[in-house]
């Protein structure tokens, strides 16, 4: 791959992944009913509205799930995969195959979002448990629905909440076994999942 192609690949991956992250955050914020008026939620909404609003006219939501945001995330990931493969000299791959690869990338990114959200949530609970920072508030709202089932099963031991350990174990199992299994099922080349 030439230097220009490597630079182009880096720029496409970085900018595309950042926008994909915003779309997925919007989907997740809506799914967990996060505060829409939080400044960060407002930023995410304004950044994703230009592509999402036209899709919502065609694709309705179902049972509180923003299907249009999922379709947009899938389309962005699909376009990223195709662009990177073209720049790498491989060319355009069969569209349905690339959709399967895009799905693996999206699942992987959602798991990564939750991994880092849990880490930040744990650190903040020790250093600033009563923080009203908008970012911290959103992270709490994002993580709480995931932690709630664990908290029902495992009460605090001596005032210490050990449920994050089980949440991390679940994320690890999903990341180490589910994602690779789906990647194998859709014949995804090794290493491509980590590219996005």
N, C-alpha and C. Protein backbone atom coordinates (compact mmCIF):
# COMPACT_ATOMS: atom_id res chain seq x y z
N UNK A 1 0.85 -1.18 0.00
CA UNK A 1 0.00 0.00 0.00
C UNK A 1 0.89 1.24 0.00
N UNK A 2 0.58 2.20 -0.86
CA UNK A 2 1.39 3.42 -0.94
C UNK A 2 1.15 4.31 0.28
N UNK A 3 2.06 5.28 0.45
CA UNK A 3 1.95 6.19 1.58
C UNK A 3 0.64 6.98 1.52
N UNK A 4 0.27 7.43 0.34
CA UNK A 4 -0.98 8.19 0.20
C UNK A 4 -2.20 7.34 0.55
N UNK A 5 -2.14 6.06 0.15
CA UNK A 5 -3.26 5.16 0.47
C UNK A 5 -3.33 4.93 1.98
N UNK A 6 -2.17 4.81 2.63
CA UNK A 6 -2.14 4.63 4.09
C UNK A 6 -2.70 5.85 4.81
N UNK A 7 -2.31 7.05 4.32
CA UNK A 7 -2.83 8.29 4.91
C UNK A 7 -4.35 8.36 4.71
N UNK A 8 -4.79 8.05 3.50
CA UNK A 8 -6.22 8.07 3.21
C UNK A 8 -6.99 7.08 4.07
N UNK A 9 -6.42 5.89 4.25
CA UNK A 9 -7.05 4.86 5.09
C UNK A 9 -7.15 5.34 6.53
N UNK A 10 -6.06 5.94 7.02
CA UNK A 10 -6.06 6.45 8.40
C UNK A 10 -7.13 7.51 8.59
N UNK A 11 -7.22 8.46 7.66
CA UNK A 11 -8.20 9.55 7.76
C UNK A 11 -9.63 8.99 7.70
N UNK A 12 -9.88 8.09 6.77
CA UNK A 12 -11.23 7.51 6.62
C UNK A 12 -11.61 6.72 7.86
N UNK A 13 -10.68 5.89 8.34
CA UNK A 13 -10.98 5.10 9.55
C UNK A 13 -11.26 5.99 10.75
N UNK A 14 -10.41 7.01 10.94
CA UNK A 14 -10.55 7.86 12.12
C UNK A 14 -11.85 8.65 12.09
N UNK A 15 -12.07 9.40 11.00
CA UNK A 15 -13.27 10.24 10.92
C UNK A 15 -14.54 9.39 10.84
N UNK A 16 -14.48 8.32 10.06
CA UNK A 16 -15.64 7.44 9.94
C UNK A 16 -16.00 6.78 11.26
N UNK A 17 -14.98 6.31 11.98
CA UNK A 17 -15.22 5.66 13.27
C UNK A 17 -15.77 6.64 14.30
N UNK A 18 -15.28 7.89 14.27
CA UNK A 18 -15.80 8.90 15.20
C UNK A 18 -17.28 9.17 14.93
N UNK A 19 -17.63 9.30 13.65
CA UNK A 19 -19.05 9.57 13.33
C UNK A 19 -19.90 8.35 13.67
N UNK A 20 -19.37 7.16 13.38
CA UNK A 20 -20.10 5.93 13.73
C UNK A 20 -20.32 5.86 15.24
N UNK A 21 -19.32 6.25 16.01
CA UNK A 21 -19.46 6.28 17.47
C UNK A 21 -20.59 7.22 17.90
N UNK A 22 -20.67 8.40 17.26
CA UNK A 22 -21.74 9.34 17.59
C UNK A 22 -23.12 8.74 17.29
N UNK A 23 -23.23 8.06 16.15
CA UNK A 23 -24.52 7.45 15.79
C UNK A 23 -24.89 6.36 16.79
N UNK A 24 -23.91 5.53 17.16
CA UNK A 24 -24.18 4.47 18.13
C UNK A 24 -24.51 5.04 19.51
N UNK A 25 -23.82 6.12 19.90
CA UNK A 25 -24.15 6.76 21.18
C UNK A 25 -25.57 7.30 21.16
N UNK A 26 -25.96 7.88 20.05
CA UNK A 26 -27.34 8.38 19.95
C UNK A 26 -28.33 7.24 20.12
N UNK A 27 -28.06 6.13 19.45
CA UNK A 27 -28.93 4.96 19.57
C UNK A 27 -28.98 4.47 21.02
N UNK A 28 -27.81 4.35 21.66
CA UNK A 28 -27.76 3.85 23.03
C UNK A 28 -28.40 4.82 24.02
N UNK A 29 -28.16 6.13 23.82
CA UNK A 29 -28.78 7.12 24.72
C UNK A 29 -30.30 7.04 24.65
N UNK A 30 -30.82 6.86 23.44
CA UNK A 30 -32.27 6.77 23.30
C UNK A 30 -32.78 5.46 23.91
N UNK A 31 -32.02 4.39 23.73
CA UNK A 31 -32.41 3.08 24.23
C UNK A 31 -32.52 3.07 25.76
N UNK A 32 -31.57 3.74 26.43
CA UNK A 32 -31.57 3.76 27.90
C UNK A 32 -32.34 4.96 28.46
N UNK A 33 -32.95 5.76 27.58
CA UNK A 33 -33.71 6.95 27.97
C UNK A 33 -32.84 7.96 28.73
N UNK A 34 -31.64 8.19 28.19
CA UNK A 34 -30.73 9.18 28.79
C UNK A 34 -31.31 10.58 28.61
N UNK A 35 -30.85 11.50 29.43
CA UNK A 35 -31.33 12.88 29.42
C UNK A 35 -31.06 13.53 28.07
N UNK A 36 -32.14 13.81 27.33
CA UNK A 36 -32.00 14.40 25.99
C UNK A 36 -31.45 15.83 26.07
N UNK A 37 -31.70 16.52 27.18
CA UNK A 37 -31.30 17.92 27.30
C UNK A 37 -29.89 18.09 27.86
N UNK A 38 -29.23 17.00 28.15
CA UNK A 38 -27.83 17.05 28.54
C UNK A 38 -27.04 17.66 27.37
N UNK A 39 -26.09 18.58 27.63
CA UNK A 39 -25.35 19.21 26.52
C UNK A 39 -24.66 18.22 25.59
N UNK A 40 -24.18 17.12 26.13
CA UNK A 40 -23.51 16.13 25.28
C UNK A 40 -24.53 15.40 24.41
N UNK A 41 -25.70 15.09 24.98
CA UNK A 41 -26.77 14.49 24.18
C UNK A 41 -27.19 15.43 23.05
N UNK A 42 -27.26 16.72 23.37
CA UNK A 42 -27.63 17.70 22.35
C UNK A 42 -26.59 17.76 21.24
N UNK A 43 -25.30 17.70 21.61
CA UNK A 43 -24.23 17.69 20.61
C UNK A 43 -24.35 16.45 19.71
N UNK A 44 -24.55 15.29 20.33
CA UNK A 44 -24.67 14.04 19.57
C UNK A 44 -25.87 14.12 18.62
N UNK A 45 -26.98 14.66 19.11
CA UNK A 45 -28.19 14.79 18.28
C UNK A 45 -27.94 15.71 17.09
N UNK A 46 -27.33 16.88 17.35
CA UNK A 46 -27.08 17.83 16.26
C UNK A 46 -26.10 17.27 15.24
N UNK A 47 -25.11 16.52 15.69
CA UNK A 47 -24.11 15.96 14.78
C UNK A 47 -24.69 14.85 13.91
N UNK A 48 -25.66 14.12 14.43
CA UNK A 48 -26.21 12.98 13.68
C UNK A 48 -27.50 13.30 12.93
N UNK A 49 -28.15 14.43 13.26
CA UNK A 49 -29.42 14.77 12.61
C UNK A 49 -29.37 14.85 11.09
N UNK A 50 -28.33 15.45 10.49
CA UNK A 50 -28.35 15.58 9.03
C UNK A 50 -28.52 14.26 8.28
N UNK A 51 -27.93 13.18 8.76
CA UNK A 51 -28.10 11.89 8.09
C UNK A 51 -29.25 11.07 8.67
N UNK A 52 -29.55 11.27 9.94
CA UNK A 52 -30.55 10.43 10.60
C UNK A 52 -31.98 10.88 10.31
N UNK A 53 -32.22 12.18 10.27
CA UNK A 53 -33.60 12.67 10.09
C UNK A 53 -34.23 12.19 8.77
N UNK A 54 -33.51 12.26 7.63
CA UNK A 54 -34.13 11.73 6.40
C UNK A 54 -34.44 10.24 6.49
N UNK A 55 -33.58 9.49 7.17
CA UNK A 55 -33.82 8.05 7.31
C UNK A 55 -35.06 7.77 8.16
N UNK A 56 -35.28 8.59 9.18
CA UNK A 56 -36.43 8.38 10.06
C UNK A 56 -37.76 8.58 9.33
N UNK A 57 -37.74 9.35 8.24
CA UNK A 57 -38.97 9.52 7.46
C UNK A 57 -39.35 8.23 6.74
N UNK A 58 -38.35 7.39 6.50
CA UNK A 58 -38.57 6.14 5.76
C UNK A 58 -38.61 4.93 6.69
N UNK A 59 -37.79 4.97 7.74
CA UNK A 59 -37.67 3.82 8.64
C UNK A 59 -38.20 4.20 10.03
N UNK A 60 -39.36 3.67 10.41
CA UNK A 60 -39.92 4.01 11.73
C UNK A 60 -39.21 3.24 12.85
N UNK A 61 -39.39 3.73 14.06
CA UNK A 61 -38.88 3.02 15.23
C UNK A 61 -39.88 1.95 15.65
N UNK A 62 -39.40 0.96 16.37
CA UNK A 62 -40.26 -0.11 16.87
C UNK A 62 -40.02 -0.30 18.36
N UNK A 63 -41.09 -0.20 19.16
CA UNK A 63 -41.03 -0.45 20.61
C UNK A 63 -39.91 0.35 21.28
N UNK A 64 -39.76 1.61 20.88
CA UNK A 64 -38.76 2.47 21.50
C UNK A 64 -37.35 2.28 20.97
N UNK A 65 -37.19 1.44 19.96
CA UNK A 65 -35.86 1.20 19.37
C UNK A 65 -35.73 2.04 18.11
N UNK A 66 -34.69 2.86 18.05
CA UNK A 66 -34.45 3.73 16.91
C UNK A 66 -33.81 2.93 15.78
N UNK A 67 -34.65 2.28 14.99
CA UNK A 67 -34.17 1.41 13.92
C UNK A 67 -33.40 2.21 12.87
N UNK A 68 -33.81 3.45 12.62
CA UNK A 68 -33.12 4.29 11.63
C UNK A 68 -31.66 4.51 12.04
N UNK A 69 -31.40 4.71 13.33
CA UNK A 69 -30.02 4.90 13.80
C UNK A 69 -29.21 3.64 13.59
N UNK A 70 -29.82 2.47 13.82
CA UNK A 70 -29.11 1.21 13.57
C UNK A 70 -28.79 1.03 12.10
N UNK A 71 -29.75 1.36 11.24
CA UNK A 71 -29.52 1.25 9.80
C UNK A 71 -28.42 2.22 9.36
N UNK A 72 -28.45 3.44 9.91
CA UNK A 72 -27.41 4.41 9.58
C UNK A 72 -26.04 3.91 10.05
N UNK A 73 -25.96 3.36 11.25
CA UNK A 73 -24.68 2.83 11.75
C UNK A 73 -24.19 1.71 10.86
N UNK A 74 -25.08 0.83 10.45
CA UNK A 74 -24.71 -0.27 9.56
C UNK A 74 -24.21 0.25 8.22
N UNK A 75 -24.90 1.27 7.69
CA UNK A 75 -24.49 1.85 6.40
C UNK A 75 -23.12 2.52 6.49
N UNK A 76 -22.89 3.24 7.59
CA UNK A 76 -21.59 3.91 7.77
C UNK A 76 -20.48 2.87 7.88
N UNK A 77 -20.69 1.84 8.68
CA UNK A 77 -19.67 0.80 8.84
C UNK A 77 -19.43 0.09 7.51
N UNK A 78 -20.49 -0.19 6.78
CA UNK A 78 -20.38 -0.83 5.47
C UNK A 78 -19.54 0.03 4.52
N UNK A 79 -19.84 1.34 4.49
CA UNK A 79 -19.08 2.25 3.62
C UNK A 79 -17.62 2.34 4.04
N UNK A 80 -17.36 2.34 5.34
CA UNK A 80 -15.98 2.37 5.83
C UNK A 80 -15.21 1.13 5.38
N UNK A 81 -15.83 -0.01 5.53
CA UNK A 81 -15.17 -1.26 5.12
C UNK A 81 -14.85 -1.22 3.63
N UNK A 82 -15.84 -0.84 2.82
CA UNK A 82 -15.63 -0.81 1.37
C UNK A 82 -14.54 0.19 0.99
N UNK A 83 -14.55 1.38 1.62
CA UNK A 83 -13.55 2.40 1.29
C UNK A 83 -12.15 1.95 1.67
N UNK A 84 -12.00 1.35 2.85
CA UNK A 84 -10.68 0.90 3.29
C UNK A 84 -10.17 -0.23 2.39
N UNK A 85 -11.05 -1.15 2.01
CA UNK A 85 -10.62 -2.25 1.14
C UNK A 85 -10.25 -1.75 -0.26
N UNK A 86 -10.95 -0.75 -0.75
CA UNK A 86 -10.60 -0.17 -2.05
C UNK A 86 -9.24 0.50 -1.96
N UNK A 87 -9.00 1.28 -0.91
CA UNK A 87 -7.70 1.94 -0.74
C UNK A 87 -6.57 0.94 -0.55
N UNK A 88 -6.88 -0.23 0.03
CA UNK A 88 -5.86 -1.27 0.24
C UNK A 88 -5.58 -2.05 -1.04
N UNK A 89 -6.34 -1.74 -2.10
CA UNK A 89 -6.13 -2.40 -3.38
C UNK A 89 -6.88 -3.71 -3.53
N UNK A 90 -7.76 -4.02 -2.57
CA UNK A 90 -8.53 -5.27 -2.63
C UNK A 90 -9.75 -5.10 -3.51
N UNK A 91 -10.31 -3.90 -3.51
CA UNK A 91 -11.50 -3.63 -4.31
C UNK A 91 -12.77 -3.78 -3.49
N UNK A 92 -13.88 -3.55 -4.14
CA UNK A 92 -15.18 -3.64 -3.46
C UNK A 92 -15.56 -5.10 -3.29
N UNK A 93 -15.97 -5.45 -2.08
CA UNK A 93 -16.40 -6.82 -1.82
C UNK A 93 -17.91 -6.93 -2.00
N UNK A 94 -18.38 -8.16 -2.09
CA UNK A 94 -19.80 -8.43 -2.27
C UNK A 94 -20.60 -7.69 -1.18
N UNK A 95 -21.57 -6.84 -1.56
CA UNK A 95 -22.27 -5.99 -0.59
C UNK A 95 -22.88 -6.71 0.60
N UNK A 96 -23.52 -7.87 0.39
CA UNK A 96 -24.14 -8.58 1.51
C UNK A 96 -23.09 -9.12 2.47
N UNK A 97 -21.94 -9.53 1.94
CA UNK A 97 -20.85 -9.99 2.79
C UNK A 97 -20.33 -8.84 3.65
N UNK A 98 -20.19 -7.66 3.02
CA UNK A 98 -19.72 -6.48 3.75
C UNK A 98 -20.73 -6.06 4.83
N UNK A 99 -22.01 -6.29 4.59
CA UNK A 99 -23.02 -5.97 5.62
C UNK A 99 -22.81 -6.86 6.84
N UNK A 100 -22.52 -8.13 6.62
CA UNK A 100 -22.21 -9.04 7.73
C UNK A 100 -20.99 -8.56 8.50
N UNK A 101 -19.96 -8.14 7.78
CA UNK A 101 -18.75 -7.62 8.42
C UNK A 101 -19.07 -6.34 9.20
N UNK A 102 -19.93 -5.50 8.62
CA UNK A 102 -20.31 -4.25 9.29
C UNK A 102 -21.03 -4.54 10.60
N UNK A 103 -21.87 -5.57 10.60
CA UNK A 103 -22.60 -5.94 11.82
C UNK A 103 -21.62 -6.36 12.92
N UNK A 104 -20.60 -7.11 12.55
CA UNK A 104 -19.58 -7.52 13.53
C UNK A 104 -18.87 -6.29 14.09
N UNK A 105 -18.53 -5.34 13.22
CA UNK A 105 -17.87 -4.11 13.67
C UNK A 105 -18.72 -3.31 14.63
N UNK A 106 -20.02 -3.24 14.36
CA UNK A 106 -20.93 -2.48 15.23
C UNK A 106 -21.06 -3.15 16.60
N UNK A 107 -21.21 -4.46 16.61
CA UNK A 107 -21.30 -5.18 17.89
C UNK A 107 -20.03 -4.96 18.69
N UNK A 108 -18.89 -5.05 18.02
CA UNK A 108 -17.61 -4.85 18.68
C UNK A 108 -17.49 -3.45 19.26
N UNK A 109 -17.95 -2.44 18.50
CA UNK A 109 -17.86 -1.06 18.98
C UNK A 109 -18.79 -0.83 20.18
N UNK A 110 -19.98 -1.39 20.16
CA UNK A 110 -20.90 -1.24 21.29
C UNK A 110 -20.29 -1.86 22.55
N UNK A 111 -19.68 -3.04 22.41
CA UNK A 111 -19.04 -3.68 23.56
C UNK A 111 -17.88 -2.82 24.07
N UNK A 112 -17.14 -2.19 23.16
CA UNK A 112 -16.04 -1.31 23.56
C UNK A 112 -16.57 -0.08 24.30
N UNK A 113 -17.67 0.48 23.81
CA UNK A 113 -18.29 1.63 24.48
C UNK A 113 -18.66 1.26 25.91
N UNK A 114 -19.27 0.10 26.10
CA UNK A 114 -19.67 -0.30 27.44
C UNK A 114 -18.47 -0.64 28.33
N UNK A 115 -17.43 -1.20 27.74
CA UNK A 115 -16.22 -1.49 28.51
C UNK A 115 -15.65 -0.20 29.10
N UNK A 116 -15.48 0.82 28.26
CA UNK A 116 -14.90 2.08 28.75
C UNK A 116 -15.87 2.84 29.65
N UNK A 117 -17.16 2.75 29.36
CA UNK A 117 -18.15 3.40 30.22
C UNK A 117 -18.11 2.80 31.63
N UNK A 118 -17.97 1.48 31.70
CA UNK A 118 -17.87 0.82 33.01
C UNK A 118 -16.60 1.24 33.75
N UNK A 119 -15.49 1.28 33.03
CA UNK A 119 -14.21 1.69 33.66
C UNK A 119 -14.35 3.11 34.23
N UNK A 120 -14.87 4.03 33.42
CA UNK A 120 -15.02 5.42 33.87
C UNK A 120 -15.98 5.48 35.05
N UNK A 121 -17.08 4.74 34.96
CA UNK A 121 -18.07 4.73 36.03
C UNK A 121 -17.46 4.26 37.35
N UNK A 122 -16.63 3.23 37.30
CA UNK A 122 -16.00 2.70 38.51
C UNK A 122 -15.03 3.72 39.10
N UNK A 123 -14.20 4.32 38.24
CA UNK A 123 -13.23 5.31 38.72
C UNK A 123 -13.95 6.49 39.35
N UNK A 124 -14.99 6.99 38.68
CA UNK A 124 -15.73 8.15 39.19
C UNK A 124 -16.42 7.81 40.51
N UNK A 125 -16.90 6.57 40.65
CA UNK A 125 -17.58 6.20 41.90
C UNK A 125 -16.63 6.26 43.09
N UNK A 126 -15.33 6.17 42.84
CA UNK A 126 -14.34 6.25 43.92
C UNK A 126 -13.85 7.67 44.16
N UNK A 127 -13.64 8.43 43.05
CA UNK A 127 -13.02 9.75 43.21
C UNK A 127 -14.03 10.90 43.26
N UNK A 128 -15.17 10.75 42.60
CA UNK A 128 -16.16 11.84 42.59
C UNK A 128 -17.57 11.25 42.52
N UNK A 129 -18.00 10.56 43.56
CA UNK A 129 -19.27 9.83 43.49
C UNK A 129 -20.50 10.70 43.31
N UNK A 130 -20.41 11.97 43.68
CA UNK A 130 -21.59 12.84 43.58
C UNK A 130 -21.45 13.89 42.48
N UNK A 131 -20.57 13.62 41.52
CA UNK A 131 -20.32 14.58 40.44
C UNK A 131 -21.58 14.78 39.59
N UNK A 132 -21.81 16.04 39.22
CA UNK A 132 -22.94 16.39 38.36
C UNK A 132 -22.46 16.77 36.96
N UNK A 133 -21.23 16.40 36.64
CA UNK A 133 -20.68 16.67 35.31
C UNK A 133 -21.57 16.03 34.25
N UNK A 134 -21.90 16.74 33.16
CA UNK A 134 -22.81 16.18 32.14
C UNK A 134 -22.32 14.86 31.55
N UNK A 135 -21.01 14.72 31.33
CA UNK A 135 -20.48 13.48 30.77
C UNK A 135 -20.65 12.33 31.76
N UNK A 136 -20.38 12.60 33.03
CA UNK A 136 -20.51 11.57 34.07
C UNK A 136 -21.97 11.15 34.22
N UNK A 137 -22.87 12.13 34.17
CA UNK A 137 -24.30 11.82 34.27
C UNK A 137 -24.74 10.89 33.13
N UNK A 138 -24.28 11.17 31.91
CA UNK A 138 -24.64 10.33 30.78
C UNK A 138 -24.06 8.93 30.91
N UNK A 139 -22.82 8.84 31.38
CA UNK A 139 -22.20 7.52 31.56
C UNK A 139 -22.98 6.71 32.58
N UNK A 140 -23.39 7.35 33.66
CA UNK A 140 -24.21 6.64 34.67
C UNK A 140 -25.52 6.14 34.06
N UNK A 141 -26.17 7.01 33.27
CA UNK A 141 -27.44 6.63 32.65
C UNK A 141 -27.24 5.50 31.64
N UNK A 142 -26.09 5.48 30.98
CA UNK A 142 -25.79 4.45 29.99
C UNK A 142 -25.49 3.11 30.66
N UNK A 143 -24.76 3.15 31.77
CA UNK A 143 -24.30 1.93 32.43
C UNK A 143 -25.37 1.31 33.34
N UNK A 144 -26.20 2.13 33.95
CA UNK A 144 -27.15 1.64 34.96
C UNK A 144 -28.06 0.52 34.45
N UNK A 145 -28.66 0.60 33.25
CA UNK A 145 -29.51 -0.51 32.81
C UNK A 145 -28.74 -1.83 32.64
N UNK A 146 -27.46 -1.74 32.33
CA UNK A 146 -26.64 -2.95 32.19
C UNK A 146 -26.32 -3.53 33.56
N UNK A 147 -26.09 -2.66 34.53
CA UNK A 147 -25.71 -3.10 35.86
C UNK A 147 -26.91 -3.59 36.69
N UNK A 148 -28.11 -3.07 36.40
CA UNK A 148 -29.29 -3.39 37.21
C UNK A 148 -29.55 -4.89 37.36
N UNK A 149 -29.50 -5.70 36.30
CA UNK A 149 -29.74 -7.14 36.49
C UNK A 149 -28.71 -7.80 37.42
N UNK A 150 -27.45 -7.36 37.31
CA UNK A 150 -26.40 -7.92 38.17
C UNK A 150 -26.66 -7.52 39.63
N UNK A 151 -27.08 -6.27 39.83
CA UNK A 151 -27.33 -5.79 41.20
C UNK A 151 -28.50 -6.51 41.86
N UNK A 152 -29.46 -6.96 41.05
CA UNK A 152 -30.58 -7.72 41.61
C UNK A 152 -30.12 -9.09 42.11
N UNK A 153 -29.15 -9.66 41.38
CA UNK A 153 -28.66 -10.99 41.74
C UNK A 153 -27.60 -10.97 42.83
N UNK A 154 -26.78 -9.92 42.84
CA UNK A 154 -25.63 -9.87 43.76
C UNK A 154 -25.73 -8.61 44.61
N UNK A 155 -26.09 -8.76 45.88
CA UNK A 155 -26.17 -7.58 46.76
C UNK A 155 -24.76 -7.08 47.11
N UNK A 156 -24.63 -5.81 47.51
CA UNK A 156 -23.32 -5.30 47.94
C UNK A 156 -22.77 -6.12 49.12
N UNK A 157 -21.49 -6.41 49.06
CA UNK A 157 -20.84 -7.17 50.14
C UNK A 157 -20.05 -6.21 51.01
N UNK A 158 -20.49 -6.03 52.24
CA UNK A 158 -19.80 -5.12 53.14
C UNK A 158 -19.77 -3.70 52.63
N UNK A 159 -20.83 -3.30 51.91
CA UNK A 159 -20.89 -1.94 51.38
C UNK A 159 -20.14 -1.75 50.08
N UNK A 160 -19.53 -2.82 49.56
CA UNK A 160 -18.77 -2.74 48.30
C UNK A 160 -19.56 -3.43 47.20
N UNK A 161 -19.76 -2.71 46.10
CA UNK A 161 -20.50 -3.22 44.95
C UNK A 161 -19.54 -3.99 44.05
N UNK A 162 -19.71 -5.32 43.99
CA UNK A 162 -18.81 -6.13 43.15
C UNK A 162 -19.44 -6.49 41.80
N UNK A 163 -20.62 -5.94 41.52
CA UNK A 163 -21.29 -6.27 40.26
C UNK A 163 -20.49 -5.87 39.02
N UNK A 164 -19.66 -4.80 39.07
CA UNK A 164 -18.87 -4.50 37.87
C UNK A 164 -17.97 -5.66 37.44
N UNK A 165 -17.51 -6.46 38.39
CA UNK A 165 -16.67 -7.62 38.04
C UNK A 165 -17.44 -8.56 37.12
N UNK A 166 -18.70 -8.81 37.46
CA UNK A 166 -19.51 -9.72 36.66
C UNK A 166 -19.91 -9.09 35.32
N UNK A 167 -20.09 -7.77 35.32
CA UNK A 167 -20.37 -7.07 34.06
C UNK A 167 -19.16 -7.17 33.13
N UNK A 168 -17.95 -6.99 33.69
CA UNK A 168 -16.74 -7.12 32.88
C UNK A 168 -16.57 -8.54 32.37
N UNK A 169 -16.88 -9.52 33.21
CA UNK A 169 -16.78 -10.91 32.78
C UNK A 169 -17.73 -11.18 31.60
N UNK A 170 -18.95 -10.64 31.70
CA UNK A 170 -19.92 -10.82 30.62
C UNK A 170 -19.43 -10.15 29.34
N UNK A 171 -18.92 -8.92 29.45
CA UNK A 171 -18.38 -8.23 28.28
C UNK A 171 -17.21 -9.01 27.67
N UNK A 172 -16.36 -9.56 28.54
CA UNK A 172 -15.22 -10.33 28.05
C UNK A 172 -15.67 -11.57 27.29
N UNK A 173 -16.65 -12.29 27.85
CA UNK A 173 -17.16 -13.49 27.18
C UNK A 173 -17.76 -13.12 25.82
N UNK A 174 -18.55 -12.04 25.78
CA UNK A 174 -19.15 -11.62 24.52
C UNK A 174 -18.08 -11.24 23.50
N UNK A 175 -17.06 -10.51 23.96
CA UNK A 175 -16.01 -10.03 23.07
C UNK A 175 -15.10 -11.17 22.61
N UNK A 176 -14.83 -12.13 23.47
CA UNK A 176 -13.90 -13.21 23.14
C UNK A 176 -14.55 -14.38 22.41
N UNK A 177 -15.86 -14.56 22.59
CA UNK A 177 -16.51 -15.74 22.01
C UNK A 177 -17.62 -15.40 21.03
N UNK A 178 -18.51 -14.46 21.40
CA UNK A 178 -19.63 -14.14 20.51
C UNK A 178 -19.16 -13.42 19.25
N UNK A 179 -18.37 -12.35 19.42
CA UNK A 179 -17.92 -11.58 18.26
C UNK A 179 -17.11 -12.44 17.29
N UNK A 180 -16.11 -13.22 17.76
CA UNK A 180 -15.39 -14.07 16.81
C UNK A 180 -16.28 -15.13 16.15
N UNK A 181 -17.27 -15.63 16.89
CA UNK A 181 -18.18 -16.63 16.29
C UNK A 181 -18.98 -16.01 15.16
N UNK A 182 -19.47 -14.78 15.38
CA UNK A 182 -20.23 -14.10 14.31
C UNK A 182 -19.29 -13.78 13.15
N UNK A 183 -18.07 -13.35 13.46
CA UNK A 183 -17.10 -13.03 12.40
C UNK A 183 -16.80 -14.27 11.55
N UNK A 184 -16.66 -15.43 12.19
CA UNK A 184 -16.42 -16.66 11.43
C UNK A 184 -17.64 -17.01 10.58
N UNK A 185 -18.83 -16.78 11.14
CA UNK A 185 -20.06 -17.11 10.42
C UNK A 185 -20.22 -16.29 9.14
N UNK A 186 -19.70 -15.06 9.15
CA UNK A 186 -19.82 -14.20 7.97
C UNK A 186 -18.50 -14.13 7.18
N UNK A 187 -17.60 -15.08 7.45
CA UNK A 187 -16.32 -15.17 6.72
C UNK A 187 -15.54 -13.88 6.75
N UNK A 188 -15.45 -13.27 7.91
CA UNK A 188 -14.74 -12.00 8.04
C UNK A 188 -13.25 -12.26 8.14
N UNK A 189 -12.43 -11.52 7.36
CA UNK A 189 -10.98 -11.68 7.47
C UNK A 189 -10.49 -11.31 8.86
N UNK A 190 -9.54 -12.06 9.39
CA UNK A 190 -9.02 -11.75 10.72
C UNK A 190 -8.36 -10.39 10.72
N UNK A 191 -8.58 -9.64 11.81
CA UNK A 191 -7.98 -8.31 11.94
C UNK A 191 -8.88 -7.19 11.46
N UNK A 192 -9.86 -7.49 10.61
CA UNK A 192 -10.71 -6.41 10.09
C UNK A 192 -11.62 -5.87 11.18
N UNK A 193 -12.05 -6.70 12.11
CA UNK A 193 -12.91 -6.24 13.21
C UNK A 193 -12.21 -5.15 14.01
N UNK A 194 -10.90 -5.32 14.20
CA UNK A 194 -10.15 -4.38 15.02
C UNK A 194 -9.88 -3.08 14.29
N UNK A 195 -10.16 -3.05 12.99
CA UNK A 195 -9.85 -1.86 12.21
C UNK A 195 -10.83 -0.73 12.47
N UNK A 196 -12.00 -1.06 13.00
CA UNK A 196 -13.02 -0.02 13.17
C UNK A 196 -13.49 0.01 14.59
